[in-house]
């Protein structure tokens, strides 16, 4: 069995068809416009509002305030009156919390608080009630609590995985993870996996959506997905490693100047986002591996020992050999020396190489030139057998690359 010739950590250290999918535009950092605010307090997850004289400054939520609610949750300066039964039904954390015996406020023989798991940070104060309901302070943002409670009562209403939707879904996922709402966590992860998939088929579908959006809004103008750096941060926070390979791969398609230099129009650089040093190292090593994969791919196509050049027909076509040689020369120039066209995106390069009748870098119309798309030649292939073989080779190589991505970025998935 042939082993993969694409770079692994060991190898690096040792030495009506759609047009082709577009590589990431230069303006991708426009997506780095929102850094999700962390709602996870690792030291204390839920605390009582004991002796809180600032309750008068808090306001009731306009929708999530039920007159028959049995508990009031306070997040920042917003009060939510909801039902213990509803929280306990979906959340193992709240179910266990509410199952503890809670002393009454006038019972002077016992403590006015209930301490959970011997942790004084997890306590319910029964002496500070509003409209007959105990008040629990949540150390989360009011926005995230609102989105979580709305999803619990009305069901999740996820959008199109755009930055606005990501802000809502990421907040829900954080709190669903924190408060053990397993069903909601699963639904949120399934939704996010549409934009950050675990399969090559899912990735291609995602790129089709991006390409269609760019064709409408213009090159470099797509804001359909959030920053991959934000996705990496979220995945680390909620222990969702399945999101990491596609997020790291997407982020690796940025040039280093885009990643580390702030631009007033593009937004903050990645250096201003709280990626760990380990993840920054993974990004750098993965970028090197993915770029090496492009040169390896082109070199393998140009090798005279490559199966494509041995002939798939009864006699060898001299024109086929010439066509492949020209394709290799064009690919070398186009993908290794043109920073604007996929030099950081091996999956994109492999897909285009599978279509040998494309005139690289040439445009058939003003619109094609504006988008920088290559076009299909009007000439018919002289050898359909070689064309089919090239398509099969492309499919195989892209699948092989996809499987290598976790190794490129040193991910344990």
Protein backbone atom coordinates (compact mmCIF):
# COMPACT_ATOMS: atom_id res chain seq x y z
CA UNK A 1 0.00 0.00 0.00
CA UNK A 2 1.31 3.41 -0.92
CA UNK A 3 2.06 5.64 2.04
CA UNK A 4 1.18 9.29 2.04
CA UNK A 5 3.84 11.57 0.63
CA UNK A 6 2.27 14.62 2.22
CA UNK A 7 4.15 16.18 5.13
CA UNK A 8 3.75 14.74 8.58
CA UNK A 9 5.33 16.13 11.76
CA UNK A 10 8.12 13.56 11.45
CA UNK A 11 8.80 14.32 7.80
CA UNK A 12 8.92 18.05 8.43
CA UNK A 13 11.31 17.76 11.23
CA UNK A 14 13.49 15.38 9.17
CA UNK A 15 13.95 17.47 6.26
CA UNK A 16 -23.02 23.73 -15.89
CA UNK A 17 -20.03 23.16 -13.86
CA UNK A 18 -19.26 25.50 -11.09
CA UNK A 19 -16.08 27.49 -11.44
CA UNK A 20 -13.30 26.37 -9.10
CA UNK A 21 -13.71 27.34 -5.48
CA UNK A 22 -12.03 30.58 -4.58
CA UNK A 23 -9.26 30.75 -2.00
CA UNK A 24 -9.81 33.00 1.00
CA UNK A 25 -9.90 36.68 0.03
CA UNK A 26 -7.39 39.17 1.35
CA UNK A 27 -10.11 40.80 3.42
CA UNK A 28 -10.80 37.77 5.59
CA UNK A 29 -9.78 39.67 8.69
CA UNK A 30 -12.98 41.61 8.34
CA UNK A 31 -14.44 38.63 10.13
CA UNK A 32 -12.33 39.33 13.18
CA UNK A 33 -14.76 42.02 14.29
CA UNK A 34 -16.16 40.30 17.35
CA UNK A 35 -14.29 38.62 20.12
CA UNK A 36 -16.85 36.54 22.02
CA UNK A 37 -16.95 37.55 25.63
CA UNK A 38 -16.19 34.63 27.85
CA UNK A 39 -19.11 33.68 30.09
CA UNK A 40 -17.34 30.89 31.92
CA UNK A 41 -16.12 31.63 35.43
CA UNK A 42 -13.85 28.69 36.19
CA UNK A 43 -13.59 29.54 39.88
CA UNK A 44 -17.30 29.87 40.67
CA UNK A 45 -20.14 28.74 38.50
CA UNK A 46 -23.19 29.98 40.37
CA UNK A 47 -23.44 32.08 43.53
CA UNK A 48 -26.23 33.53 45.62
CA UNK A 49 -26.98 37.23 45.72
CA UNK A 50 -26.55 37.35 49.47
CA UNK A 51 -26.88 40.81 50.96
CA UNK A 52 -27.12 42.36 47.50
CA UNK A 53 -28.41 45.90 47.91
CA UNK A 54 -28.01 46.55 44.21
CA UNK A 55 -31.10 44.53 43.26
CA UNK A 56 -33.03 47.74 42.94
CA UNK A 57 -30.68 48.72 40.11
CA UNK A 58 -31.37 45.52 38.18
CA UNK A 59 -34.18 45.36 35.64
CA UNK A 60 -36.57 42.57 34.74
CA UNK A 61 -36.19 40.94 31.38
CA UNK A 62 -39.06 41.93 29.15
CA UNK A 63 -39.80 38.40 27.89
CA UNK A 64 -38.20 35.92 30.25
CA UNK A 65 -40.13 37.02 33.33
CA UNK A 66 -42.90 34.58 34.15
CA UNK A 67 -45.35 35.56 36.89
CA UNK A 68 -45.55 31.94 38.04
CA UNK A 69 -41.79 31.44 37.96
CA UNK A 70 -40.19 29.86 41.01
CA UNK A 71 -36.65 31.24 40.82
CA UNK A 72 -34.98 34.44 39.69
CA UNK A 73 -31.66 34.32 37.90
CA UNK A 74 -29.55 37.44 37.85
CA UNK A 75 -26.93 37.94 35.15
CA UNK A 76 -25.16 41.29 35.24
CA UNK A 77 -28.01 43.80 35.78
CA UNK A 78 -30.80 41.68 34.26
CA UNK A 79 -33.29 39.53 36.18
CA UNK A 80 -34.93 36.43 34.70
CA UNK A 81 -37.88 34.86 36.49
CA UNK A 82 -38.10 31.27 35.34
CA UNK A 83 -39.13 27.85 36.59
CA UNK A 84 -36.97 25.50 38.60
CA UNK A 85 -38.73 22.57 36.97
CA UNK A 86 -37.79 23.77 33.49
CA UNK A 87 -34.15 24.23 34.44
CA UNK A 88 -33.97 20.91 36.25
CA UNK A 89 -35.64 19.10 33.35
CA UNK A 90 -32.87 20.04 30.90
CA UNK A 91 -29.84 20.68 33.11
CA UNK A 92 -28.21 18.02 35.25
CA UNK A 93 -26.40 20.79 37.11
CA UNK A 94 -29.58 22.61 38.15
CA UNK A 95 -31.36 19.34 38.84
CA UNK A 96 -28.74 18.38 41.38
CA UNK A 97 -28.60 21.91 42.77
CA UNK A 98 -32.33 22.17 43.35
CA UNK A 99 -32.51 18.70 44.87
CA UNK A 100 -30.50 19.85 47.90
CA UNK A 101 -32.45 20.70 51.07
CA UNK A 102 -32.90 24.45 51.33
CA UNK A 103 -33.48 25.91 54.84
CA UNK A 104 -36.07 28.61 55.27
CA UNK A 105 -35.05 32.16 56.02
CA UNK A 106 -36.73 32.19 59.47
CA UNK A 107 -35.07 28.98 60.60
CA UNK A 108 -32.47 30.41 62.94
CA UNK A 109 -31.19 27.01 63.99
CA UNK A 110 -29.63 26.40 60.61
CA UNK A 111 -27.49 28.24 58.15
CA UNK A 112 -29.34 30.59 55.77
CA UNK A 113 -27.39 29.19 52.84
CA UNK A 114 -26.99 25.86 51.14
CA UNK A 115 -23.44 25.05 50.09
CA UNK A 116 -23.03 22.71 47.11
CA UNK A 117 -20.27 20.10 47.16
CA UNK A 118 -18.60 21.84 50.10
CA UNK A 119 -17.78 24.75 47.80
CA UNK A 120 -18.74 28.09 49.39
CA UNK A 121 -18.84 29.65 45.94
CA UNK A 122 -21.79 27.40 45.04
CA UNK A 123 -24.50 28.45 47.42
CA UNK A 124 -28.14 29.45 47.50
CA UNK A 125 -29.19 32.22 49.82
CA UNK A 126 -32.81 31.85 50.86
CA UNK A 127 -32.88 35.14 52.77
CA UNK A 128 -32.80 37.42 49.73
CA UNK A 129 -36.03 36.86 47.84
CA UNK A 130 -37.80 38.96 45.23
CA UNK A 131 -41.57 38.51 44.90
CA UNK A 132 -41.25 35.33 46.93
CA UNK A 133 -38.52 33.82 44.73
CA UNK A 134 -34.89 33.21 45.67
CA UNK A 135 -32.37 35.08 43.56
CA UNK A 136 -29.35 33.27 42.14
CA UNK A 137 -26.52 35.26 40.65
CA UNK A 138 -25.02 33.75 37.52
CA UNK A 139 -21.52 34.79 36.62
CA UNK A 140 -22.36 34.95 32.92
CA UNK A 141 -23.34 37.71 30.52
CA UNK A 142 -27.00 38.65 30.36
CA UNK A 143 -26.93 38.06 26.60
CA UNK A 144 -25.72 34.48 26.96
CA UNK A 145 -28.22 33.70 29.72
CA UNK A 146 -31.03 35.16 27.61
CA UNK A 147 -30.04 33.01 24.62
CA UNK A 148 -29.76 29.89 26.77
CA UNK A 149 -33.12 30.37 28.46
CA UNK A 150 -34.82 31.20 25.17
CA UNK A 151 -33.44 27.98 23.67
CA UNK A 152 -34.64 25.99 26.69
CA UNK A 153 -38.18 27.39 26.53
CA UNK A 154 -38.71 27.84 22.79
CA UNK A 155 -36.12 25.52 21.31
CA UNK A 156 -32.93 26.65 19.56
CA UNK A 157 -33.37 28.94 16.57
CA UNK A 158 -30.00 28.80 14.87
CA UNK A 159 -29.20 30.86 11.79
CA UNK A 160 -26.73 30.60 8.91
CA UNK A 161 -23.48 30.34 10.85
CA UNK A 162 -22.67 33.98 10.12
CA UNK A 163 -20.88 36.12 12.74
CA UNK A 164 -24.15 37.23 14.37
CA UNK A 165 -25.41 33.67 14.58
CA UNK A 166 -22.04 32.50 15.92
CA UNK A 167 -22.25 35.02 18.74
CA UNK A 168 -25.57 33.54 19.84
CA UNK A 169 -24.64 29.89 19.31
CA UNK A 170 -21.27 30.20 21.03
CA UNK A 171 -22.94 31.70 24.11
CA UNK A 172 -25.48 28.91 24.19
CA UNK A 173 -22.77 26.30 23.77
CA UNK A 174 -20.70 27.74 26.62
CA UNK A 175 -23.57 27.73 29.08
CA UNK A 176 -24.95 24.39 27.87
CA UNK A 177 -21.51 22.94 28.56
CA UNK A 178 -21.17 24.72 31.88
CA UNK A 179 -24.61 23.76 33.21
CA UNK A 180 -24.67 20.26 31.66
CA UNK A 181 -27.51 20.82 29.20
CA UNK A 182 -26.38 17.92 27.06
CA UNK A 183 -29.15 17.96 24.45
CA UNK A 184 -28.64 21.65 23.71
CA UNK A 185 -24.87 21.25 23.59
CA UNK A 186 -25.24 18.48 21.01
CA UNK A 187 -27.56 20.58 18.84
CA UNK A 188 -25.20 23.56 18.97
CA UNK A 189 -22.21 21.42 17.96
CA UNK A 190 -24.13 19.86 15.07
CA UNK A 191 -25.05 23.34 13.86
CA UNK A 192 -21.47 24.64 14.09
CA UNK A 193 -20.16 21.55 12.28
CA UNK A 194 -21.94 22.72 9.13
CA UNK A 195 -19.48 25.61 8.92
CA UNK A 196 -16.57 23.74 10.53
CA UNK A 197 -17.09 20.20 9.24
CA UNK A 198 -15.26 16.96 9.90
CA UNK A 199 -15.53 15.63 6.35
CA UNK A 200 -14.16 16.80 3.01
CA UNK A 201 -17.65 16.68 1.53
CA UNK A 202 -18.83 19.05 4.25
CA UNK A 203 -15.85 21.34 3.64
CA UNK A 204 -16.58 21.52 -0.08
CA UNK A 205 -20.21 22.38 0.64
CA UNK A 206 -19.03 25.14 2.98
CA UNK A 207 -16.68 26.53 0.32
CA UNK A 208 -19.47 26.48 -2.25
CA UNK A 209 -21.50 28.75 0.03
CA UNK A 210 -18.53 31.08 0.46
CA UNK A 211 -17.88 31.22 -3.27
CA UNK A 212 -21.51 32.00 -4.05
CA UNK A 213 -21.49 34.79 -1.48
CA UNK A 214 -18.30 36.27 -2.92
CA UNK A 215 -19.74 36.24 -6.43
CA UNK A 216 -22.55 38.46 -5.16
CA UNK A 217 -20.66 40.75 -2.81
CA UNK A 218 -17.34 40.95 -4.63
CA UNK A 219 -13.87 39.51 -4.05
CA UNK A 220 -12.64 39.83 -0.50
CA UNK A 221 -16.03 41.00 0.74
CA UNK A 222 -17.50 37.78 2.10
CA UNK A 223 -18.41 37.91 5.79
CA UNK A 224 -20.51 34.79 5.76
CA UNK A 225 -18.51 32.95 8.43
CA UNK A 226 -16.99 34.18 11.70
CA UNK A 227 -13.30 34.31 12.43
CA UNK A 228 -11.72 30.84 12.60
CA UNK A 229 -9.65 32.14 15.50
CA UNK A 230 -12.86 32.69 17.48
CA UNK A 231 -13.92 29.13 16.66
CA UNK A 232 -10.62 27.75 17.94
CA UNK A 233 -11.00 29.71 21.18
CA UNK A 234 -14.56 28.43 21.59
CA UNK A 235 -13.60 24.82 20.83
CA UNK A 236 -10.88 24.93 23.48
CA UNK A 237 -13.23 26.48 26.00
CA UNK A 238 -16.03 23.93 25.62
CA UNK A 239 -13.86 20.90 24.79
CA UNK A 240 -15.10 20.46 21.22
CA UNK A 241 -12.03 19.12 19.36
CA UNK A 242 -14.08 18.15 16.30
CA UNK A 243 -14.24 21.85 15.30
CA UNK A 244 -10.47 22.34 15.39
CA UNK A 245 -9.13 20.80 12.13
CA UNK A 246 -11.29 22.84 9.77
CA UNK A 247 -10.88 25.98 11.88
CA UNK A 248 -7.08 25.67 11.92
CA UNK A 249 -7.03 24.93 8.19
CA UNK A 250 -9.18 27.98 7.46
CA UNK A 251 -6.98 30.18 9.63
CA UNK A 252 -3.84 28.86 7.94
CA UNK A 253 -5.04 30.32 4.65
CA UNK A 254 -4.38 33.81 6.01
CA UNK A 255 -1.00 35.34 5.20
CA UNK A 256 1.16 36.19 8.20
CA UNK A 257 0.75 39.92 7.59
CA UNK A 258 -3.00 39.47 7.81
CA UNK A 259 -2.67 37.48 10.99
CA UNK A 260 -0.36 39.66 13.00
CA UNK A 261 -0.69 43.21 11.67
CA UNK A 262 -3.76 45.19 12.66
CA UNK A 263 -5.53 47.08 9.93
CA UNK A 264 -8.19 49.73 10.54
CA UNK A 265 -10.39 48.31 7.78
CA UNK A 266 -9.81 44.62 8.47
CA UNK A 267 -10.18 44.78 12.22
CA UNK A 268 -7.98 43.37 15.00
CA UNK A 269 -5.15 40.99 14.23
CA UNK A 270 -4.91 37.49 15.61
CA UNK A 271 -2.21 38.74 17.98
CA UNK A 272 -4.98 40.53 19.87
CA UNK A 273 -7.04 37.36 20.28
CA UNK A 274 -6.31 35.05 23.21
CA UNK A 275 -4.98 32.06 21.29
CA UNK A 276 -2.61 30.09 23.46
CA UNK A 277 1.08 29.94 22.63
CA UNK A 278 0.63 26.25 21.88
CA UNK A 279 -2.10 26.97 19.34
CA UNK A 280 -0.05 29.74 17.74
CA UNK A 281 2.74 27.21 17.34
CA UNK A 282 0.31 24.69 15.85
CA UNK A 283 -0.85 27.33 13.38
CA UNK A 284 2.70 28.16 12.25
CA UNK A 285 3.68 24.52 11.85
CA UNK A 286 0.44 23.70 10.06
CA UNK A 287 0.87 26.58 7.63
CA UNK A 288 4.32 25.31 6.74
CA UNK A 289 3.01 21.77 6.26
CA UNK A 290 0.08 22.84 4.08
CA UNK A 291 2.29 24.98 1.85
CA UNK A 292 4.75 22.10 1.52
CA UNK A 293 1.80 19.91 0.49
CA UNK A 294 1.23 22.17 -2.53
CA UNK A 295 4.78 21.77 -3.80
CA UNK A 296 4.59 18.03 -3.14
CA UNK A 297 1.34 17.81 -5.10
CA UNK A 298 2.73 19.65 -8.13
CA UNK A 299 6.00 17.72 -8.02
CA UNK A 300 4.13 14.42 -7.97
CA UNK A 301 2.14 15.44 -11.03
CA UNK A 302 5.33 16.38 -12.87
CA UNK A 303 7.10 13.14 -12.06
CA UNK A 304 7.62 10.88 -15.08
CA UNK A 305 6.86 7.92 -12.84
CA UNK A 306 3.40 9.24 -12.07
CA UNK A 307 0.64 6.82 -13.17
CA UNK A 308 -1.05 9.58 -15.16
CA UNK A 309 2.01 9.87 -17.41
CA UNK A 310 2.41 6.14 -17.98
CA UNK A 311 -0.63 6.06 -20.21
CA UNK A 312 -4.13 4.70 -19.67
CA UNK A 313 -4.63 3.70 -23.26
CA UNK A 314 -3.19 1.28 -25.75
CA UNK A 315 -0.54 3.69 -26.98
CA UNK A 316 1.15 6.66 -25.46
CA UNK A 317 -0.18 10.06 -26.51
CA UNK A 318 2.63 12.54 -27.02
CA UNK A 319 0.08 15.34 -26.76
CA UNK A 320 -1.01 14.07 -23.33
CA UNK A 321 2.55 14.26 -22.07
CA UNK A 322 2.88 17.75 -23.45
CA UNK A 323 -0.40 18.84 -21.88
CA UNK A 324 0.64 17.54 -18.45
CA UNK A 325 4.02 19.20 -18.71
CA UNK A 326 2.37 22.51 -19.52
CA UNK A 327 -0.07 22.01 -16.67
CA UNK A 328 2.76 21.45 -14.21
CA UNK A 329 4.60 24.56 -15.43
CA UNK A 330 1.48 26.70 -15.19
CA UNK A 331 0.61 25.32 -11.76
CA UNK A 332 4.11 26.02 -10.48
CA UNK A 333 3.93 29.62 -11.59
CA UNK A 334 0.32 30.16 -10.59
CA UNK A 335 0.21 28.57 -7.14
CA UNK A 336 3.75 28.97 -5.86
CA UNK A 337 4.43 32.54 -6.89
CA UNK A 338 1.03 34.24 -6.96
CA UNK A 339 0.10 35.21 -3.40
CA UNK A 340 -3.42 36.10 -4.44
CA UNK A 341 -4.43 32.68 -5.77
CA UNK A 342 -4.51 29.80 -3.39
CA UNK A 343 -0.84 29.49 -2.51
CA UNK A 344 -1.90 28.66 1.05
CA UNK A 345 -4.82 26.37 0.20
CA UNK A 346 -3.74 22.89 -0.96
CA UNK A 347 -7.30 21.54 -1.16
CA UNK A 348 -8.19 24.32 -3.58
CA UNK A 349 -5.03 23.76 -5.63
CA UNK A 350 -5.67 20.03 -5.91
CA UNK A 351 -9.22 20.65 -7.08
CA UNK A 352 -8.11 23.03 -9.81
CA UNK A 353 -5.35 20.70 -10.97
CA UNK A 354 -8.03 18.09 -11.55
CA UNK A 355 -9.44 20.27 -14.30
CA UNK A 356 -6.61 20.41 -16.87
CA UNK A 357 -8.58 22.35 -19.44
CA UNK A 358 -8.45 25.50 -17.35
CA UNK A 359 -6.31 28.34 -18.64
CA UNK A 360 -4.69 29.44 -15.41
CA UNK A 361 -4.78 33.14 -14.66
CA UNK A 362 -6.64 34.02 -17.88
CA UNK A 363 -10.13 35.44 -17.97
CA UNK A 364 -12.88 35.06 -20.53
CA UNK A 365 -14.81 38.17 -19.52
CA UNK A 366 -14.61 41.32 -17.46
CA UNK A 367 -16.49 39.66 -14.62
CA UNK A 368 -14.13 36.68 -14.61
CA UNK A 369 -11.16 39.03 -14.57
CA UNK A 370 -12.68 40.94 -11.66
CA UNK A 371 -12.97 37.79 -9.62
CA UNK A 372 -9.65 36.39 -10.81
CA UNK A 373 -11.32 33.15 -11.87
CA UNK A 374 -9.72 30.84 -14.41
CA UNK A 375 -11.80 29.64 -17.34
CA UNK A 376 -12.32 26.37 -19.20
CA UNK A 377 -10.74 26.19 -22.62
CA UNK A 378 -12.98 25.87 -25.66
CA UNK A 379 -10.83 23.01 -26.89
CA UNK A 380 -11.89 19.44 -26.25
CA UNK A 381 -9.50 17.13 -24.45
CA UNK A 382 -7.49 14.98 -26.84
CA UNK A 383 -7.59 12.10 -24.37
CA UNK A 384 -10.68 11.51 -22.27
CA UNK A 385 -8.94 8.62 -20.50
CA UNK A 386 -6.28 10.95 -19.12
CA UNK A 387 -8.92 13.51 -18.14
CA UNK A 388 -10.83 10.86 -16.19
CA UNK A 389 -7.62 9.58 -14.60
CA UNK A 390 -6.69 13.09 -13.53
CA UNK A 391 -10.11 13.60 -11.92
CA UNK A 392 -9.74 10.32 -10.01
CA UNK A 393 -6.24 11.29 -8.93
CA UNK A 394 -7.48 14.67 -7.70
CA UNK A 395 -10.25 13.08 -5.64
CA UNK A 396 -7.81 10.66 -4.05
CA UNK A 397 -5.21 13.32 -3.26
CA UNK A 398 -7.75 15.70 -1.73
CA UNK A 399 -9.07 12.94 0.54
CA UNK A 400 -5.51 12.14 1.55
CA UNK A 401 -4.81 15.79 2.32
CA UNK A 402 -7.96 16.11 4.41
CA UNK A 403 -6.94 13.17 6.56
CA UNK A 404 -3.51 14.75 7.08
CA UNK A 405 -4.82 18.07 8.44
CA UNK A 406 -4.92 16.98 12.11
CA UNK A 407 -1.30 15.83 11.79
CA UNK A 408 -0.23 19.07 10.12
CA UNK A 409 -1.57 21.06 13.07
CA UNK A 410 -0.63 18.54 15.79
CA UNK A 411 -4.26 18.06 16.86
CA UNK A 412 -5.43 15.20 19.04
CA UNK A 413 -8.74 14.39 17.37
